[in-house]
Protein backbone atom coordinates (compact mmCIF):
# COMPACT_ATOMS: atom_id res chain seq x y z
CA MET A 1 192.40 85.26 208.74
CA ARG A 2 190.78 88.80 208.18
CA PRO A 3 187.18 89.10 208.44
CA LEU A 4 185.05 90.07 205.41
CA ASN A 5 183.78 93.76 204.67
CA LEU A 6 180.65 93.06 203.49
CA PRO A 7 179.03 96.91 203.57
CA VAL A 8 182.49 97.66 200.70
CA GLY A 9 181.57 94.76 198.81
CA VAL A 10 178.09 95.73 198.66
CA ARG A 11 178.29 99.19 197.95
CA ALA A 12 181.00 98.32 194.93
CA ILE A 13 178.12 95.35 193.28
CA LEU A 14 175.09 97.60 193.30
CA PRO A 15 175.56 99.35 189.89
CA ILE A 16 175.92 96.14 188.52
CA ALA A 17 173.12 94.50 190.09
CA ALA A 18 170.89 97.07 189.28
CA THR A 19 171.34 96.62 185.70
CA VAL A 20 170.73 93.01 185.21
CA PRO A 21 167.14 92.84 186.11
CA LEU A 22 166.86 95.82 183.19
CA PHE A 23 169.07 93.51 180.62
CA ALA A 24 167.22 90.33 181.82
CA ILE A 25 164.09 91.97 180.85
CA SER A 26 165.19 93.58 177.46
CA PHE A 27 166.39 89.84 176.48
CA GLY A 28 163.22 88.76 177.21
CA VAL A 29 161.09 90.92 175.40
CA LEU A 30 163.28 91.08 172.04
CA ALA A 31 162.91 87.00 172.48
CA ARG A 32 159.50 87.35 173.08
CA ALA A 33 158.98 89.24 170.23
CA SER A 34 161.13 87.48 167.71
CA GLY A 35 159.40 84.35 168.18
CA MET A 36 161.67 82.60 170.91
CA GLY A 37 159.24 80.87 172.98
CA ILE A 38 158.96 80.66 177.01
CA ALA A 39 161.66 78.13 177.45
CA ALA A 40 164.80 79.20 175.65
CA PRO A 41 165.40 82.76 176.14
CA ILE A 42 165.33 80.99 179.93
CA VAL A 43 167.61 78.31 178.78
CA MET A 44 169.81 80.49 176.69
CA SER A 45 169.57 82.78 179.70
CA ALA A 46 171.70 80.53 182.10
CA THR A 47 173.87 79.05 179.43
CA THR A 48 175.15 82.22 177.76
CA PHE A 49 177.69 83.98 179.15
CA GLY A 50 177.48 86.92 177.16
CA GLY A 51 174.59 89.10 176.95
CA SER A 52 175.33 90.44 173.76
CA ALA A 53 174.99 86.93 172.04
CA GLN A 54 172.14 86.66 173.15
CA PHE A 55 170.79 89.38 171.51
CA ALA A 56 172.54 88.70 168.57
CA VAL A 57 170.60 84.96 168.57
CA ALA A 58 167.73 86.78 169.31
CA SER A 59 167.91 89.05 166.10
CA ILE A 60 169.35 86.09 163.17
CA LEU A 61 166.33 84.22 163.92
CA ASP A 62 163.84 86.69 163.81
CA GLU A 63 165.33 87.35 160.36
CA GLY A 64 164.88 84.50 159.18
CA GLY A 65 168.52 82.52 160.32
CA SER A 66 168.73 78.96 161.23
CA VAL A 67 170.90 77.88 164.36
CA ALA A 68 173.63 76.93 162.60
CA ALA A 69 174.16 80.49 161.36
């Protein structure tokens, strides 16, 4: 078995890891501004894989669309 090369892996993931908090904050701000409450954006972030889908749902609900849309 090969030894793990942890520093190389950490260095490779840093650009993505640095943007995750920014994405989370921007979605949280949009969700709160569209009136989603506190729990809904958290549950949505935990269960929705596509980040763009989160922004789309928040925008649709903000414009008066229903959950079925």
